N, C-alpha and C. Protein backbone atom coordinates (compact mmCIF):
# COMPACT_ATOMS: atom_id res chain seq x y z
N UNK A 1 -35.45 -2.87 -29.44
CA UNK A 1 -35.84 -2.48 -28.17
C UNK A 1 -34.80 -2.64 -27.17
N UNK A 2 -34.05 -3.84 -27.30
CA UNK A 2 -33.18 -4.17 -26.32
C UNK A 2 -32.03 -3.12 -26.16
N UNK A 3 -31.72 -2.54 -27.22
CA UNK A 3 -30.65 -1.42 -27.26
C UNK A 3 -31.14 -0.34 -26.39
N UNK A 4 -32.51 -0.06 -26.43
CA UNK A 4 -33.05 1.11 -25.59
C UNK A 4 -32.97 0.73 -24.11
N UNK A 5 -33.34 -0.51 -23.79
CA UNK A 5 -33.10 -0.91 -22.39
C UNK A 5 -31.60 -0.88 -21.95
N UNK A 6 -30.74 -1.27 -22.77
CA UNK A 6 -29.27 -1.28 -22.47
C UNK A 6 -28.88 0.19 -22.28
N UNK A 7 -29.29 1.07 -23.14
CA UNK A 7 -28.88 2.54 -23.00
C UNK A 7 -29.48 3.13 -21.79
N UNK A 8 -30.68 2.81 -21.45
CA UNK A 8 -31.29 3.41 -20.20
C UNK A 8 -30.60 2.88 -18.98
N UNK A 9 -30.36 1.51 -18.94
CA UNK A 9 -29.58 0.88 -17.81
C UNK A 9 -28.27 1.55 -17.68
N UNK A 10 -27.50 1.65 -18.75
CA UNK A 10 -26.17 2.23 -18.76
C UNK A 10 -26.26 3.69 -18.23
N UNK A 11 -27.19 4.41 -18.76
CA UNK A 11 -27.35 5.77 -18.21
C UNK A 11 -27.57 5.98 -16.70
N UNK A 12 -28.50 5.03 -16.33
CA UNK A 12 -28.91 5.02 -14.88
C UNK A 12 -27.69 4.60 -14.08
N UNK A 13 -26.92 3.62 -14.35
CA UNK A 13 -25.69 3.25 -13.67
C UNK A 13 -24.65 4.32 -13.67
N UNK A 14 -24.59 5.05 -14.76
CA UNK A 14 -23.60 6.13 -14.86
C UNK A 14 -24.00 7.32 -13.83
N UNK A 15 -25.28 7.66 -13.79
CA UNK A 15 -25.85 8.63 -12.96
C UNK A 15 -25.54 8.15 -11.44
N UNK A 16 -25.86 6.92 -11.24
CA UNK A 16 -25.63 6.38 -9.89
C UNK A 16 -24.15 6.48 -9.41
N UNK A 17 -23.23 6.06 -10.35
CA UNK A 17 -21.92 6.14 -10.05
C UNK A 17 -21.39 7.58 -9.77
N UNK A 18 -21.91 8.47 -10.59
CA UNK A 18 -21.55 9.89 -10.45
C UNK A 18 -22.13 10.43 -9.12
N UNK A 19 -23.26 10.03 -8.64
CA UNK A 19 -23.86 10.50 -7.53
C UNK A 19 -23.04 9.98 -6.25
N UNK A 20 -22.63 8.70 -6.42
CA UNK A 20 -21.74 8.07 -5.29
C UNK A 20 -20.50 8.80 -5.15
N UNK A 21 -19.89 9.12 -6.36
CA UNK A 21 -18.58 9.82 -6.34
C UNK A 21 -18.69 11.11 -5.71
N UNK A 22 -19.76 11.87 -6.17
CA UNK A 22 -19.99 13.23 -5.42
C UNK A 22 -20.19 13.20 -3.97
N UNK A 23 -20.95 12.18 -3.54
CA UNK A 23 -21.23 11.97 -2.17
C UNK A 23 -19.93 11.69 -1.35
N UNK A 24 -19.01 11.07 -1.94
CA UNK A 24 -17.72 10.77 -1.31
C UNK A 24 -16.68 11.84 -1.43
N UNK A 25 -17.00 12.82 -2.23
CA UNK A 25 -16.04 13.93 -2.49
C UNK A 25 -15.36 14.57 -1.30
N UNK A 26 -16.31 14.85 -0.21
CA UNK A 26 -15.78 15.46 1.07
C UNK A 26 -14.62 14.57 1.68
N UNK A 27 -14.91 13.25 1.71
CA UNK A 27 -13.93 12.28 2.29
C UNK A 27 -12.61 12.39 1.54
N UNK A 28 -12.74 12.41 0.21
CA UNK A 28 -11.57 12.43 -0.70
C UNK A 28 -10.69 13.76 -0.43
N UNK A 29 -11.50 14.90 -0.33
CA UNK A 29 -10.78 16.11 -0.20
C UNK A 29 -10.15 16.10 1.30
N UNK A 30 -10.84 15.64 2.28
CA UNK A 30 -10.25 15.65 3.61
C UNK A 30 -8.94 14.78 3.64
N UNK A 31 -9.09 13.61 2.93
CA UNK A 31 -7.88 12.71 2.88
C UNK A 31 -6.68 13.47 2.24
N UNK A 32 -6.78 14.39 1.44
CA UNK A 32 -5.76 15.08 0.80
C UNK A 32 -4.95 15.93 1.82
N UNK A 33 -5.64 16.46 2.82
CA UNK A 33 -5.09 17.16 3.91
C UNK A 33 -3.88 16.33 4.51
N UNK A 34 -4.14 15.09 4.85
CA UNK A 34 -3.20 14.10 5.41
C UNK A 34 -2.11 13.78 4.45
N UNK A 35 -2.48 13.72 3.26
CA UNK A 35 -1.43 13.42 2.19
C UNK A 35 -0.49 14.67 2.10
N UNK A 36 -1.03 15.88 2.11
CA UNK A 36 -0.24 17.05 1.99
C UNK A 36 0.76 17.11 3.23
N UNK A 37 0.27 16.90 4.36
CA UNK A 37 1.25 17.01 5.59
C UNK A 37 2.22 15.73 5.58
N UNK A 38 1.84 14.60 5.12
CA UNK A 38 2.70 13.36 5.14
C UNK A 38 3.80 13.62 4.11
N UNK A 39 3.45 14.30 2.92
CA UNK A 39 4.46 14.49 1.92
C UNK A 39 5.10 15.88 1.97
N UNK A 40 4.71 16.70 3.06
CA UNK A 40 5.28 18.00 3.27
C UNK A 40 4.96 18.82 2.00
N UNK A 41 3.79 18.84 1.42
CA UNK A 41 3.49 19.29 0.17
C UNK A 41 2.49 20.56 0.30
N UNK A 42 3.13 21.73 0.47
CA UNK A 42 2.32 22.97 0.67
C UNK A 42 1.41 23.25 -0.59
N UNK A 43 1.89 22.97 -1.75
CA UNK A 43 1.04 23.10 -2.97
C UNK A 43 -0.22 22.37 -2.86
N UNK A 44 -0.22 21.19 -2.37
CA UNK A 44 -1.48 20.50 -2.20
C UNK A 44 -2.51 21.21 -1.24
N UNK A 45 -1.91 21.74 -0.19
CA UNK A 45 -2.80 22.60 0.63
C UNK A 45 -3.44 23.72 -0.10
N UNK A 46 -2.74 24.27 -1.04
CA UNK A 46 -3.34 25.38 -1.88
C UNK A 46 -4.55 24.98 -2.56
N UNK A 47 -4.49 23.66 -3.05
CA UNK A 47 -5.63 23.09 -3.89
C UNK A 47 -6.83 22.74 -3.08
N UNK A 48 -6.68 22.40 -1.79
CA UNK A 48 -7.79 21.92 -1.02
C UNK A 48 -8.33 22.88 0.08
N UNK A 49 -7.60 23.93 0.41
CA UNK A 49 -8.16 24.84 1.44
C UNK A 49 -8.88 26.05 0.88
N UNK A 50 -9.95 26.42 1.49
CA UNK A 50 -10.76 27.70 1.11
C UNK A 50 -9.75 28.76 1.45
N UNK A 51 -9.81 29.89 0.71
CA UNK A 51 -8.98 31.00 1.04
C UNK A 51 -9.05 31.48 2.48
N UNK A 52 -10.16 31.37 3.02
CA UNK A 52 -10.42 31.91 4.42
C UNK A 52 -10.54 30.73 5.47
N UNK A 53 -9.80 29.65 5.11
CA UNK A 53 -9.82 28.45 5.99
C UNK A 53 -9.55 28.82 7.42
N UNK A 54 -10.29 28.19 8.35
CA UNK A 54 -10.17 28.51 9.83
C UNK A 54 -9.75 27.28 10.55
N UNK A 55 -8.75 27.44 11.36
CA UNK A 55 -8.11 26.34 12.16
C UNK A 55 -8.74 26.61 13.56
N UNK A 56 -9.38 25.62 14.13
CA UNK A 56 -10.14 25.70 15.45
C UNK A 56 -9.58 24.52 16.32
N UNK A 57 -8.98 24.79 17.46
CA UNK A 57 -8.65 26.11 17.99
C UNK A 57 -7.23 26.52 17.54
N UNK A 58 -7.14 27.81 17.40
CA UNK A 58 -5.93 28.36 16.96
C UNK A 58 -5.46 29.45 17.92
N UNK A 59 -4.19 29.76 18.13
CA UNK A 59 -3.86 30.87 19.02
C UNK A 59 -4.53 32.12 18.69
N UNK A 60 -4.88 32.93 19.63
CA UNK A 60 -5.66 34.15 19.37
C UNK A 60 -5.06 35.05 18.35
N UNK A 61 -3.80 35.13 18.24
CA UNK A 61 -3.14 36.12 17.25
C UNK A 61 -2.81 35.39 16.03
N UNK A 62 -3.02 34.11 15.93
CA UNK A 62 -2.76 33.48 14.61
C UNK A 62 -3.66 33.78 13.52
N UNK A 63 -3.04 34.00 12.33
CA UNK A 63 -3.85 34.29 11.12
C UNK A 63 -4.63 33.01 10.66
N UNK A 64 -5.69 33.27 9.97
CA UNK A 64 -6.44 32.17 9.32
C UNK A 64 -6.01 32.07 7.82
N UNK A 65 -6.44 30.97 7.16
CA UNK A 65 -6.24 30.84 5.86
C UNK A 65 -5.07 30.03 5.46
N UNK A 66 -4.74 30.00 4.14
CA UNK A 66 -3.67 29.14 3.62
C UNK A 66 -2.35 29.40 4.23
N UNK A 67 -2.02 30.75 4.44
CA UNK A 67 -0.72 31.11 5.04
C UNK A 67 -0.61 30.44 6.40
N UNK A 68 -1.59 30.46 7.29
CA UNK A 68 -1.48 29.73 8.55
C UNK A 68 -1.17 28.22 8.50
N UNK A 69 -1.94 27.62 7.43
CA UNK A 69 -1.72 26.13 7.39
C UNK A 69 -0.24 25.85 6.77
N UNK A 70 0.29 26.72 5.91
CA UNK A 70 1.59 26.51 5.42
C UNK A 70 2.55 26.76 6.61
N UNK A 71 2.39 27.76 7.34
CA UNK A 71 3.22 28.04 8.50
C UNK A 71 3.28 26.91 9.43
N UNK A 72 2.11 26.35 9.71
CA UNK A 72 2.07 25.22 10.64
C UNK A 72 2.85 24.06 10.13
N UNK A 73 2.66 23.81 8.76
CA UNK A 73 3.37 22.72 8.08
C UNK A 73 4.94 22.93 8.15
N UNK A 74 5.32 24.11 7.96
CA UNK A 74 6.83 24.60 7.93
C UNK A 74 7.33 24.40 9.27
N UNK A 75 6.67 24.76 10.30
CA UNK A 75 7.14 24.70 11.70
C UNK A 75 7.12 23.12 12.04
N UNK A 76 6.21 22.35 11.80
CA UNK A 76 6.18 20.89 12.09
C UNK A 76 7.40 20.24 11.39
N UNK A 77 7.52 20.49 10.08
CA UNK A 77 8.57 19.81 9.37
C UNK A 77 9.99 20.24 9.79
N UNK A 78 10.11 21.45 10.21
CA UNK A 78 11.35 21.95 10.70
C UNK A 78 11.75 21.27 11.98
N UNK A 79 10.79 21.21 12.81
CA UNK A 79 11.09 20.50 14.22
C UNK A 79 11.22 19.03 14.02
N UNK A 80 10.32 18.48 13.14
CA UNK A 80 10.29 16.97 12.93
C UNK A 80 10.50 16.82 11.43
N UNK A 81 11.72 16.61 10.97
CA UNK A 81 11.87 16.47 9.56
C UNK A 81 11.26 15.19 8.98
N UNK A 82 11.08 14.20 9.84
CA UNK A 82 10.49 12.93 9.43
C UNK A 82 8.97 12.98 9.74
N UNK A 83 8.34 14.13 10.03
CA UNK A 83 6.99 14.23 10.36
C UNK A 83 6.12 13.39 9.35
N UNK A 84 5.27 12.66 10.03
CA UNK A 84 4.29 11.82 9.13
C UNK A 84 2.98 11.81 9.90
N UNK A 85 1.95 11.58 9.13
CA UNK A 85 0.58 11.59 9.64
C UNK A 85 -0.20 10.57 8.73
N UNK A 86 -0.86 9.55 9.43
CA UNK A 86 -1.57 8.56 8.73
C UNK A 86 -2.96 8.41 9.19
N UNK A 87 -3.98 8.34 8.34
CA UNK A 87 -5.26 8.14 8.62
C UNK A 87 -5.57 6.68 9.16
N UNK A 88 -6.15 6.68 10.31
CA UNK A 88 -6.58 5.37 10.95
C UNK A 88 -8.06 5.08 10.67
N UNK A 89 -8.91 6.13 10.74
CA UNK A 89 -10.40 6.02 10.56
C UNK A 89 -10.87 7.25 9.88
N UNK A 90 -11.87 7.13 9.02
CA UNK A 90 -12.41 8.31 8.40
C UNK A 90 -13.91 8.08 8.28
N UNK A 91 -14.64 9.00 8.64
CA UNK A 91 -16.16 8.90 8.60
C UNK A 91 -16.70 10.25 8.12
N UNK A 92 -17.67 10.08 7.25
CA UNK A 92 -18.23 11.19 6.63
C UNK A 92 -19.82 11.35 6.98
N UNK A 93 -20.14 12.60 7.34
CA UNK A 93 -21.56 12.88 7.54
C UNK A 93 -21.88 14.15 6.86
N UNK A 94 -22.65 14.01 5.73
CA UNK A 94 -22.97 15.26 4.99
C UNK A 94 -21.66 15.88 4.46
N UNK A 95 -21.39 17.19 4.85
CA UNK A 95 -20.21 17.88 4.33
C UNK A 95 -19.16 17.91 5.38
N UNK A 96 -19.25 17.07 6.50
CA UNK A 96 -18.24 17.02 7.41
C UNK A 96 -17.58 15.66 7.60
N UNK A 97 -16.26 15.68 7.69
CA UNK A 97 -15.48 14.47 7.76
C UNK A 97 -14.67 14.42 9.02
N UNK A 98 -14.86 13.31 9.70
CA UNK A 98 -14.07 13.13 10.92
C UNK A 98 -12.98 12.12 10.71
N UNK A 99 -11.78 12.41 11.06
CA UNK A 99 -10.58 11.67 10.73
C UNK A 99 -9.79 11.38 12.17
N UNK A 100 -9.55 10.10 12.42
CA UNK A 100 -8.64 9.81 13.54
C UNK A 100 -7.36 9.36 12.83
N UNK A 101 -6.25 10.07 13.32
CA UNK A 101 -5.00 9.83 12.66
C UNK A 101 -3.90 9.50 13.70
N UNK A 102 -2.80 9.10 13.18
CA UNK A 102 -1.63 8.96 13.98
C UNK A 102 -0.46 9.79 13.43
N UNK A 103 0.08 10.49 14.34
CA UNK A 103 1.23 11.58 13.98
C UNK A 103 2.48 10.99 14.59
N UNK A 104 3.58 10.90 13.80
CA UNK A 104 4.84 10.50 14.22
C UNK A 104 5.92 11.43 13.80
N UNK A 105 6.99 11.48 14.47
CA UNK A 105 8.18 12.32 14.17
C UNK A 105 9.21 12.33 15.33
N UNK A 106 10.40 12.69 14.81
CA UNK A 106 11.54 12.75 15.63
C UNK A 106 11.96 14.20 15.75
N UNK A 107 12.06 14.73 16.96
CA UNK A 107 12.30 16.20 17.28
C UNK A 107 13.80 16.44 17.01
N UNK A 108 14.12 17.20 15.94
CA UNK A 108 15.45 17.45 15.61
C UNK A 108 15.81 19.04 15.80
N UNK A 109 14.73 19.78 15.83
CA UNK A 109 14.90 21.20 16.10
C UNK A 109 13.92 21.70 17.24
N UNK A 110 14.04 22.89 17.69
CA UNK A 110 13.15 23.37 18.73
C UNK A 110 11.67 23.26 18.29
N UNK A 111 10.79 23.02 19.30
CA UNK A 111 9.34 22.92 18.99
C UNK A 111 8.67 23.60 20.06
N UNK A 112 7.79 24.53 19.82
CA UNK A 112 7.02 25.23 20.85
C UNK A 112 7.95 25.81 21.90
N UNK A 113 9.23 26.33 21.62
CA UNK A 113 10.09 26.72 22.51
C UNK A 113 10.86 25.79 23.24
N UNK A 114 10.70 24.47 23.00
CA UNK A 114 11.35 23.41 23.65
C UNK A 114 12.53 22.87 22.76
N UNK A 115 13.72 22.77 23.47
CA UNK A 115 14.94 22.38 22.66
C UNK A 115 14.64 21.00 22.10
N UNK A 116 15.35 20.66 21.06
CA UNK A 116 15.41 19.33 20.44
C UNK A 116 15.92 18.29 21.30
N UNK A 117 15.36 17.19 21.37
CA UNK A 117 15.75 16.06 22.20
C UNK A 117 16.25 14.89 21.26
N UNK A 118 16.05 14.89 20.07
CA UNK A 118 16.43 13.66 19.22
C UNK A 118 15.41 12.49 19.44
N UNK A 119 14.46 12.67 20.32
CA UNK A 119 13.52 11.56 20.58
C UNK A 119 12.33 11.55 19.67
N UNK A 120 11.79 10.40 19.57
CA UNK A 120 10.53 10.32 18.71
C UNK A 120 9.25 10.24 19.51
N UNK A 121 8.26 10.57 18.77
CA UNK A 121 6.83 10.62 19.37
C UNK A 121 5.88 9.79 18.43
N UNK A 122 4.89 9.42 19.07
CA UNK A 122 3.66 8.72 18.27
C UNK A 122 2.42 9.17 19.02
N UNK A 123 1.61 10.04 18.35
CA UNK A 123 0.33 10.55 19.07
C UNK A 123 -0.77 10.33 18.12
N UNK A 124 -1.93 10.41 18.85
CA UNK A 124 -3.22 10.33 18.10
C UNK A 124 -3.77 11.82 17.94
N UNK A 125 -4.55 11.91 16.82
CA UNK A 125 -5.19 13.20 16.58
C UNK A 125 -6.62 12.90 16.09
N UNK A 126 -7.55 13.76 16.29
CA UNK A 126 -8.86 13.66 15.74
C UNK A 126 -9.26 15.06 15.25
N UNK A 127 -9.71 15.01 13.97
CA UNK A 127 -10.04 16.24 13.24
C UNK A 127 -11.43 16.17 12.67
N UNK A 128 -12.08 17.26 12.55
CA UNK A 128 -13.36 17.40 11.77
C UNK A 128 -13.15 18.40 10.82
N UNK A 129 -13.26 18.13 9.54
CA UNK A 129 -13.19 18.95 8.40
C UNK A 129 -14.50 19.34 7.85
N UNK A 130 -14.80 20.54 7.70
CA UNK A 130 -16.01 20.97 7.00
C UNK A 130 -15.75 21.39 5.55
N UNK A 131 -16.32 20.71 4.63
CA UNK A 131 -16.07 20.85 3.26
C UNK A 131 -17.22 21.67 2.59
N UNK A 132 -16.79 22.61 1.78
CA UNK A 132 -17.88 23.47 1.11
C UNK A 132 -17.26 23.85 -0.32
N UNK A 133 -18.12 23.62 -1.30
CA UNK A 133 -17.64 23.96 -2.76
C UNK A 133 -16.28 23.25 -3.00
N UNK A 134 -16.05 22.06 -2.54
CA UNK A 134 -14.85 21.40 -2.92
C UNK A 134 -13.59 21.84 -2.17
N UNK A 135 -13.74 22.64 -1.13
CA UNK A 135 -12.56 23.08 -0.32
C UNK A 135 -12.83 22.84 1.16
N UNK A 136 -11.78 22.71 1.95
CA UNK A 136 -11.89 22.57 3.31
C UNK A 136 -12.01 24.02 3.91
N UNK A 137 -13.21 24.25 4.54
CA UNK A 137 -13.54 25.63 5.01
C UNK A 137 -13.12 25.71 6.46
N UNK A 138 -13.30 24.71 7.25
CA UNK A 138 -12.89 24.75 8.71
C UNK A 138 -12.36 23.41 9.09
N UNK A 139 -11.43 23.46 10.11
CA UNK A 139 -10.89 22.16 10.64
C UNK A 139 -10.85 22.44 12.21
N UNK A 140 -11.57 21.55 12.84
CA UNK A 140 -11.59 21.47 14.29
C UNK A 140 -10.60 20.30 14.59
N UNK A 141 -9.70 20.49 15.59
CA UNK A 141 -8.72 19.43 15.86
C UNK A 141 -8.31 19.32 17.21
N UNK A 142 -7.92 18.09 17.58
CA UNK A 142 -7.41 17.75 18.95
C UNK A 142 -6.29 16.76 18.75
N UNK A 143 -5.20 17.05 19.22
CA UNK A 143 -4.00 16.20 19.25
C UNK A 143 -3.56 15.87 20.60
N UNK A 144 -2.97 14.64 20.90
CA UNK A 144 -2.56 14.26 22.16
C UNK A 144 -1.13 14.75 22.41
N UNK A 145 -0.95 16.01 22.58
CA UNK A 145 0.38 16.59 22.82
C UNK A 145 0.89 16.27 24.02
N UNK A 146 0.13 15.96 25.15
CA UNK A 146 0.64 15.47 26.53
C UNK A 146 1.43 14.22 26.22
N UNK A 147 0.91 13.31 25.53
CA UNK A 147 1.71 12.01 25.31
C UNK A 147 2.98 12.39 24.45
N UNK A 148 2.83 13.17 23.50
CA UNK A 148 3.92 13.64 22.60
C UNK A 148 5.01 14.26 23.35
N UNK A 149 4.74 15.14 24.20
CA UNK A 149 5.70 15.90 25.02
C UNK A 149 6.41 14.95 26.04
N UNK A 150 5.65 14.04 26.60
CA UNK A 150 6.28 13.00 27.49
C UNK A 150 7.18 12.07 26.68
N UNK A 151 6.80 11.64 25.47
CA UNK A 151 7.73 10.75 24.66
C UNK A 151 8.89 11.60 24.18
N UNK A 152 8.84 12.85 23.96
CA UNK A 152 9.95 13.72 23.52
C UNK A 152 10.88 13.89 24.65
N UNK A 153 10.41 13.78 25.96
CA UNK A 153 11.25 13.97 27.02
C UNK A 153 11.12 15.31 27.66
N UNK A 154 10.01 16.02 27.28
CA UNK A 154 9.73 17.40 27.84
C UNK A 154 8.95 17.36 29.04
N UNK A 155 8.23 16.30 29.36
CA UNK A 155 7.32 16.13 30.56
C UNK A 155 7.73 14.81 31.29
N UNK A 156 7.74 14.80 32.49
CA UNK A 156 8.00 13.56 33.33
C UNK A 156 6.42 12.86 33.51
N UNK A 157 6.53 11.65 33.73
CA UNK A 157 5.32 10.85 34.03
C UNK A 157 4.78 11.29 35.19
């Protein structure tokens, strides 16, 4: 009878572990967004973004989907070859994940029509990722570009 108790307990613990893992899945998927940008890895974006991923806010004429995310990554890495992003805080509520991150980089090429300065920036960003069926469906984001543009020398204090 002891073997039956052990079997039931083991099965119960396995189900609990599986449920805990599934509950944390959105956090894990959202974390990969930052990994992709930090490593400049467009292929990782392909694995985690829904085909019709939406970036909010995005310019009115900007396309949605994977192509838009890859274009953003290419633009950032071109302007800031040492572009990096690190998660500071991550909070999950159901299928939404909120991330506070720090973005750093040195401007070596033009960015948003502004000539390269060779200066570095360090800014904060906050994103909300909505995860559905194992993919990021939507991302709402806010970055502190005012601080970044000042640090890069494009704005005076």
